[in-house]
Protein backbone atom coordinates (compact mmCIF):
# COMPACT_ATOMS: atom_id res chain seq x y z
CA MET A 1 247.77 78.59 -95.59
CA ARG A 2 244.70 78.24 -93.44
CA ASP A 3 243.00 81.41 -92.19
CA ALA A 4 241.15 81.05 -88.87
CA LYS A 5 238.68 83.81 -89.71
CA VAL A 6 237.87 82.28 -93.11
CA ASP A 7 237.46 78.84 -91.51
CA ALA A 8 235.09 80.28 -88.92
CA LEU A 9 233.02 82.04 -91.60
CA LEU A 10 232.85 78.85 -93.69
CA ALA A 11 231.69 76.90 -90.64
CA GLN A 12 228.87 79.39 -90.05
CA VAL A 13 227.68 79.50 -93.65
CA VAL A 14 228.58 76.10 -95.17
CA GLY A 15 229.78 73.79 -92.42
CA VAL A 16 233.03 72.10 -91.49
CA VAL A 17 235.68 71.43 -94.15
CA ASN A 18 238.20 68.77 -93.13
CA ALA A 19 241.23 67.36 -94.89
CA SER A 20 240.58 64.25 -96.97
CA LYS A 21 241.49 60.88 -95.49
CA ALA A 22 245.05 59.81 -96.24
CA ASP A 23 243.92 56.63 -97.99
CA PHE A 24 240.94 58.17 -99.78
CA ALA A 25 242.42 58.11 -103.31
CA LYS A 26 243.48 54.47 -102.97
CA SER A 27 240.10 53.45 -101.54
CA LYS A 28 238.20 55.33 -104.25
CA ALA A 29 240.24 53.69 -107.02
CA LYS A 30 239.43 50.27 -105.54
CA TYR A 31 235.69 50.90 -105.71
CA VAL A 32 235.77 52.57 -109.14
CA ASP A 33 237.35 49.34 -110.39
CA LEU A 34 234.75 47.20 -108.57
CA LEU A 35 231.78 49.23 -109.81
CA SER A 36 232.42 48.72 -113.52
CA ALA A 37 229.68 48.89 -116.14
CA LYS A 38 229.88 45.10 -116.50
CA ALA A 39 229.39 44.57 -112.76
CA MET A 40 226.51 47.06 -112.52
CA LYS A 41 224.60 45.22 -115.26
CA LYS A 42 224.52 42.15 -112.99
CA ALA A 43 223.35 44.08 -109.91
CA ASP A 44 220.29 42.95 -107.95
CA LEU A 45 218.19 46.06 -107.27
CA ALA A 46 215.87 44.24 -104.84
CA ALA A 47 218.88 43.18 -102.76
CA GLY A 48 220.25 46.71 -103.03
CA LYS A 49 217.00 48.15 -101.68
CA VAL A 50 217.18 45.87 -98.63
CA LEU A 51 220.77 46.96 -97.99
CA TYR A 52 219.70 50.59 -98.36
CA GLN A 53 216.92 50.13 -95.78
CA GLN A 54 219.35 48.49 -93.36
CA SER A 55 222.00 51.21 -93.66
CA CYS A 56 221.47 54.46 -95.57
CA GLY A 57 217.72 54.50 -94.89
CA LEU A 58 218.28 54.87 -91.14
CA CYS A 59 219.20 58.52 -91.78
CA HIS A 60 218.28 59.31 -95.40
CA GLN A 61 215.23 59.18 -97.65
CA LEU A 62 215.31 57.88 -101.23
CA PHE A 63 212.16 57.59 -103.36
CA GLY A 64 210.15 58.43 -100.19
CA ASP A 65 211.62 55.49 -98.24
CA GLY A 66 213.72 56.03 -95.10
CA ASN A 67 214.12 58.62 -92.34
CA ALA A 68 214.51 62.39 -92.64
CA VAL A 69 217.64 62.77 -90.50
CA GLY A 70 220.36 63.55 -93.07
CA PRO A 71 219.95 65.00 -96.57
CA ASN A 72 217.29 63.55 -98.90
CA LEU A 73 219.10 61.48 -101.52
CA THR A 74 216.38 61.53 -104.18
CA GLY A 75 217.45 64.84 -105.69
CA SER A 76 221.16 64.49 -104.99
CA ASN A 77 223.92 63.87 -107.54
CA ARG A 78 223.98 60.15 -106.73
CA ALA A 79 224.14 59.17 -110.43
CA ASN A 80 227.67 60.57 -110.44
CA LEU A 81 229.94 57.82 -109.09
CA ASP A 82 232.68 60.26 -108.01
CA TYR A 83 230.16 62.24 -105.94
CA LEU A 84 228.69 59.09 -104.38
CA LEU A 85 232.06 57.60 -103.45
CA GLU A 86 233.35 60.87 -102.01
CA ASN A 87 230.36 61.06 -99.66
CA VAL A 88 230.39 57.39 -98.63
CA LEU A 89 234.14 56.86 -98.27
CA ASP A 90 234.99 60.21 -96.69
CA PRO A 91 231.83 61.54 -94.98
CA ASN A 92 233.79 63.94 -92.76
CA ALA A 93 235.47 65.84 -95.62
CA LEU A 94 232.61 68.34 -95.83
CA ILE A 95 229.89 68.43 -93.19
CA GLY A 96 226.95 70.76 -93.81
CA LYS A 97 226.27 73.03 -90.85
CA ASP A 98 222.84 71.43 -90.34
CA TYR A 99 224.34 67.93 -90.11
CA GLN A 100 227.04 68.27 -87.47
CA LEU A 101 226.80 65.99 -84.45
CA ASN A 102 225.64 67.74 -81.26
CA VAL A 103 226.57 66.23 -77.89
CA PHE A 104 224.63 67.40 -74.82
CA LYS A 105 225.88 66.72 -71.32
CA LEU A 106 222.93 66.97 -68.97
CA LYS A 107 222.93 68.16 -65.38
CA ASN A 108 221.81 64.71 -64.22
CA GLY A 109 225.00 63.17 -65.60
CA ASN A 110 223.50 61.66 -68.77
CA THR A 111 224.73 62.38 -72.31
CA VAL A 112 222.56 62.55 -75.42
CA SER A 113 223.58 63.23 -78.99
CA GLY A 114 221.98 63.84 -82.38
CA LEU A 115 221.32 66.47 -85.04
CA VAL A 116 219.55 69.64 -83.94
CA GLN A 117 216.74 70.33 -86.41
CA SER A 118 215.32 73.37 -84.61
CA GLU A 119 215.31 75.13 -81.28
CA ASP A 120 213.41 77.76 -79.33
CA ALA A 121 213.97 79.54 -76.03
CA GLN A 122 213.26 76.38 -74.03
CA VAL A 123 214.10 73.32 -76.12
CA PHE A 124 216.56 71.80 -78.60
CA ASN A 125 214.61 69.58 -81.03
CA ALA A 126 217.03 66.83 -82.04
CA VAL A 127 216.83 63.67 -84.15
CA MET A 128 218.85 60.47 -84.00
CA PRO A 129 219.53 57.70 -86.54
CA GLY A 130 216.35 55.79 -87.25
CA GLY A 131 214.33 59.00 -87.09
CA VAL A 132 214.01 58.95 -83.28
CA LYS A 133 213.20 62.47 -82.15
CA LEU A 134 213.91 63.93 -78.74
CA ALA A 135 213.33 67.27 -77.08
CA VAL A 136 216.24 68.39 -74.91
CA ALA A 137 215.19 71.02 -72.38
CA LYS A 138 217.76 73.82 -72.29
CA ALA A 139 217.32 74.14 -68.53
CA GLU A 140 218.63 70.56 -68.16
CA VAL A 141 221.74 71.07 -70.34
CA ALA A 142 225.09 71.47 -68.57
CA SER A 143 227.05 71.81 -71.82
CA ARG A 144 226.63 71.49 -75.59
CA GLU A 145 229.42 70.53 -77.97
CA ILE A 146 229.12 70.65 -81.77
CA LEU A 147 231.63 68.16 -83.12
CA PRO A 148 233.45 68.56 -86.47
CA VAL A 149 232.32 65.06 -87.48
CA SER A 150 229.39 63.72 -89.43
CA LEU A 151 226.69 61.52 -87.95
CA MET A 152 227.28 59.32 -90.99
CA PRO A 153 229.79 56.60 -90.07
CA GLU A 154 232.90 55.78 -92.02
CA GLY A 155 233.47 52.28 -93.35
CA LEU A 156 229.98 51.61 -94.72
CA PHE A 157 231.34 49.51 -97.59
CA ASP A 158 233.80 47.67 -95.33
CA ALA A 159 230.94 45.72 -93.75
CA LEU A 160 229.66 44.52 -97.14
CA THR A 161 230.82 41.90 -99.62
CA PRO A 162 231.86 43.16 -103.08
CA ALA A 163 228.58 41.86 -104.54
CA GLN A 164 226.60 43.71 -101.87
CA VAL A 165 228.47 46.95 -102.63
CA VAL A 166 227.50 46.58 -106.30
CA ASP A 167 223.85 45.93 -105.41
CA LEU A 168 223.67 48.89 -103.01
CA VAL A 169 225.35 51.35 -105.37
CA ALA A 170 223.14 50.22 -108.27
CA TYR A 171 220.06 50.93 -106.16
CA LEU A 172 221.43 54.30 -104.99
CA GLN A 173 222.18 55.31 -108.59
CA SER A 174 218.93 54.00 -110.03
CA PRO A 175 216.68 56.77 -111.44
CA ASP A 176 213.56 55.25 -109.87
CA GLY A 177 214.54 52.27 -107.71
CA LYS A 178 213.40 49.89 -110.43
CA THR A 179 215.64 50.65 -113.41
CA LYS A 180 219.34 49.88 -113.33
CA PRO A 181 221.64 52.83 -114.03
CA VAL A 182 222.94 52.66 -117.56
CA ALA A 183 226.62 53.37 -118.16
CA ALA A 184 227.70 55.03 -121.39
CA PRO A 185 229.62 52.84 -123.81
CA GLU A 186 233.25 53.79 -124.25
CA GLY A 187 233.28 57.08 -126.13
CA GLY A 188 229.48 56.95 -126.42
CA VAL A 189 226.42 58.69 -125.01
CA TRP A 190 224.75 57.82 -121.72
CA ARG A 191 220.96 57.63 -121.91
CA VAL A 192 218.10 56.75 -119.59
CA ASP A 193 215.92 54.16 -121.30
CA GLY A 194 212.27 54.92 -122.06
CA VAL A 195 212.30 58.68 -121.58
CA VAL A 196 211.57 61.68 -123.79
CA GLU A 197 214.73 63.74 -124.13
CA GLY A 198 214.16 67.43 -123.35
CA GLU A 199 216.20 68.55 -126.35
CA SER A 200 213.96 66.48 -128.66
CA LEU A 201 210.73 68.24 -127.67
CA LYS A 202 209.00 70.67 -130.03
CA VAL A 203 208.81 74.27 -128.85
CA LEU A 204 205.35 75.69 -129.52
CA GLY A 205 206.08 79.22 -128.41
CA LYS A 206 207.85 81.58 -126.02
CA THR A 207 207.34 85.17 -124.89
CA GLY A 208 211.02 85.92 -124.44
CA GLY A 209 214.54 84.57 -124.45
CA ARG A 210 216.02 81.89 -126.67
CA VAL A 211 215.68 78.11 -126.71
CA SER A 212 218.26 75.58 -127.89
CA ASN A 213 219.91 72.35 -126.91
CA GLN A 214 223.07 72.60 -124.79
CA PRO A 215 225.76 69.90 -124.56
CA MET A 216 226.43 69.13 -120.87
CA THR A 217 229.51 66.88 -120.91
CA LYS A 218 231.79 69.64 -119.57
CA PHE A 219 229.85 69.69 -116.29
CA LYS A 220 231.25 66.84 -114.20
CA ALA A 221 229.16 66.95 -111.00
CA SER A 222 226.21 65.18 -112.69
CA ARG A 223 225.36 63.49 -115.96
CA TRP A 224 222.55 64.24 -118.37
CA SER A 225 220.66 61.68 -120.44
CA GLY A 226 221.82 62.05 -124.02
CA ASN A 227 224.65 64.29 -122.72
CA ASP A 228 222.35 67.23 -123.51
CA HIS A 229 219.31 69.20 -122.33
CA LEU A 230 216.74 71.69 -123.58
CA TRP A 231 218.00 75.13 -122.54
CA TRP A 232 215.94 78.33 -122.17
CA ALA A 233 218.05 81.44 -121.55
CA ASP A 234 217.89 85.26 -121.64
CA ALA A 235 214.23 85.38 -120.54
CA LYS A 236 212.72 87.51 -117.78
CA THR A 237 210.38 87.05 -114.84
CA GLY A 238 206.87 86.50 -116.20
CA ASP A 239 207.98 85.04 -119.53
CA ASN A 240 206.50 81.74 -120.70
CA LEU A 241 207.78 78.79 -122.69
CA THR A 242 205.36 76.25 -124.19
CA ILE A 243 206.54 72.77 -125.18
CA ALA A 244 204.64 69.99 -126.95
CA LEU A 245 204.27 66.68 -125.10
CA PRO A 246 203.17 63.92 -127.50
CA ILE A 247 200.98 61.07 -126.18
CA LYS A 248 200.43 58.02 -128.39
CA GLU A 249 197.28 56.62 -126.78
CA GLN A 250 194.66 57.65 -124.23
CA GLY A 251 195.23 56.60 -120.63
CA THR A 252 196.38 57.48 -117.12
CA TYR A 253 200.01 58.56 -117.06
CA GLN A 254 202.56 59.25 -114.33
CA LEU A 255 204.79 62.18 -115.25
CA THR A 256 208.27 62.60 -113.83
CA PHE A 257 210.99 64.91 -115.08
CA VAL A 258 214.60 65.94 -114.50
CA CYS A 259 215.83 69.52 -114.74
CA THR A 260 219.17 71.28 -114.41
CA LYS A 261 220.20 73.31 -111.36
CA ALA A 262 222.89 76.00 -111.05
CA HIS A 263 223.60 79.35 -109.38
CA ASP A 264 222.03 81.29 -112.26
CA TYR A 265 218.94 79.11 -112.81
CA GLY A 266 215.52 80.41 -111.89
CA ARG A 267 212.31 79.53 -110.12
CA PHE A 268 209.40 78.28 -112.24
CA GLU A 269 205.78 77.24 -112.36
CA LEU A 270 205.04 74.27 -114.63
CA ARG A 271 201.60 73.47 -116.02
CA LEU A 272 200.38 70.53 -118.07
CA ASP A 273 197.37 71.51 -120.16
CA GLY A 274 196.78 74.38 -117.76
CA LYS A 275 197.07 72.29 -114.57
CA VAL A 276 199.85 73.33 -112.20
CA ILE A 277 202.24 70.41 -111.55
CA THR A 278 204.75 72.19 -109.32
CA GLY A 279 204.27 73.02 -105.63
CA PRO A 280 202.93 76.28 -104.16
CA GLN A 281 206.44 77.75 -104.00
CA GLY A 282 207.23 76.76 -107.57
CA LEU A 283 210.25 74.80 -108.75
CA ASP A 284 213.49 76.38 -107.51
CA LEU A 285 216.43 75.34 -109.69
CA TYR A 286 219.06 77.32 -107.78
CA ASN A 287 222.18 75.39 -106.75
CA ALA A 288 225.00 77.30 -105.11
CA LYS A 289 228.15 75.50 -106.21
CA GLU A 290 227.99 73.34 -109.31
CA VAL A 291 225.83 72.64 -112.34
CA VAL A 292 223.88 69.49 -111.46
CA THR A 293 220.71 67.60 -112.28
CA SER A 294 217.69 67.84 -110.00
CA GLY A 295 217.01 64.14 -109.66
CA GLU A 296 213.60 62.86 -110.70
CA LEU A 297 210.75 65.23 -109.82
CA ASP A 298 207.11 64.18 -109.45
CA GLY A 299 204.80 65.73 -112.04
CA GLY A 300 201.70 63.84 -110.85
CA ARG A 301 199.22 61.50 -112.55
CA HIS A 302 197.11 62.70 -115.43
CA GLU A 303 194.32 61.44 -117.68
CA LEU A 304 195.63 62.21 -121.15
CA ALA A 305 194.06 61.77 -124.56
CA ALA A 306 196.10 60.70 -127.57
CA GLY A 307 197.71 63.65 -129.29
CA GLU A 308 199.77 66.70 -128.47
CA HIS A 309 199.61 68.23 -124.98
CA LYS A 310 201.05 71.52 -123.75
CA LEU A 311 203.73 71.76 -121.08
CA GLU A 312 204.04 75.39 -120.03
CA VAL A 313 206.95 76.86 -118.08
CA ARG A 314 206.54 80.31 -116.47
CA ILE A 315 209.37 82.23 -114.82
CA LEU A 316 208.69 83.30 -111.23
CA SER A 317 210.77 85.70 -109.14
CA PRO A 318 214.17 84.07 -108.56
CA ASN A 319 215.65 82.72 -105.36
CA PRO A 320 217.04 85.81 -103.53
CA VAL A 321 220.58 84.38 -103.46
CA ALA A 322 220.61 83.23 -107.09
CA THR A 323 222.35 85.06 -109.92
CA PRO A 324 219.16 86.38 -111.58
CA ARG A 325 219.57 85.02 -115.12
CA ASN A 326 216.41 82.84 -114.86
CA MET A 327 217.81 79.99 -116.92
CA PHE A 328 215.87 76.74 -117.33
CA GLY A 329 217.09 73.33 -118.42
CA LEU A 330 215.04 70.17 -119.03
CA ASP A 331 216.99 66.92 -119.22
CA PHE A 332 214.13 64.50 -119.84
CA LEU A 333 210.49 63.62 -119.24
CA LYS A 334 209.36 60.17 -118.21
CA VAL A 335 205.73 59.43 -119.16
CA GLU A 336 204.59 56.06 -117.79
CA LYS A 337 201.18 54.60 -118.52
CA LYS A 338 199.45 53.20 -115.42
C-alpha cells in the first residue's frame, strides 16, 4: 500500500518514485541481448563519442565533455549494464529532487521550463538542455509547477540503429573514453587492461585498522576489476595507510584511480610522495544506498623516478550523514606514461 505521507517525505529528501513502465522488462531484455560481449568488442568508440555529444552530452558531462544540466556521468555506475539500461529506458522511474522539470507560467503569458539549480529572494536560476541558463524573476512568475517527470526524454535508443546503440553504450561504459569495456568471460573474472590492481599493492605501513583484499562479486550495483579491491577497515580519524607504488622507468605519468563508495566509507586525503592529490575537501567515499565504484578519479600528472613510490591515505572526519566506520577501498590504479 502507498502512504501519502511517506511519498511526500521521499519526494522532499530523494525525489519522485514512479512505477516502472509496463514494457520495461521486455525492452531491457531486448537490449541485454543486443549488447552482448561479442557485439561490444566490435563497437566504434569514436562513433559512440559523436552520438554521446549529440544526445547525452546536451545535459550530462562525461570525461569533462558535455553540459552540467543533469548528473555527471563520469563517476556514475555506468559500467553496470543493468544500471545504465534502467536509467536510459525508464528515466522517470526515479527522479532526483534536483532534476525535476520546473514549468513557469509568466504574467506576460509566456511559459519557460528547465531545472532550477538555485534561487534567492528575487530570482530562480534555471538551466535548459544544451546548458542554456536563464534567470526567471520571481516578480514575473504567475505560477510554478514541479512536474513528476524527468527532463531526460524516453526513447533515446529508439532513434538509433542497433549498431549505433552498441557504439553509444560502449562509449558510455568505457573507463576513459578510449578503452573498450571488457566483459568477463563466462564464469571468469572481469579486469580492466593495463592497470595496477589495488589488492596487489604492497602495504608499507598503517597506524591503525586492518588491511586485506575483499571479494566484491556480491555487490551488484557496480563491478570491480579483478572482482576484488584493497580494503582498509576498523581505522579511526587521523590514521594513515601507506602503499607502495612501483614505477619501472623515469618519466611523466598521469595517475588515475578507482575507489569504492558506500554508506560506511570515509573521507580521505591522498598523497603521492608527500604531494596531496585530492581536492581541498578531501575524497568523500560516502554513498547513501548501494556499494558502488567511484568511477575514474584524477590523481594528476607527476614526474616519477624509477623505483618504489609512496601512496599515503589519511582518514579525515567523515561525511556527517555517513555511518562513521571510515572504510576505504581501492579497486585499481592506472599509471600512464606521457
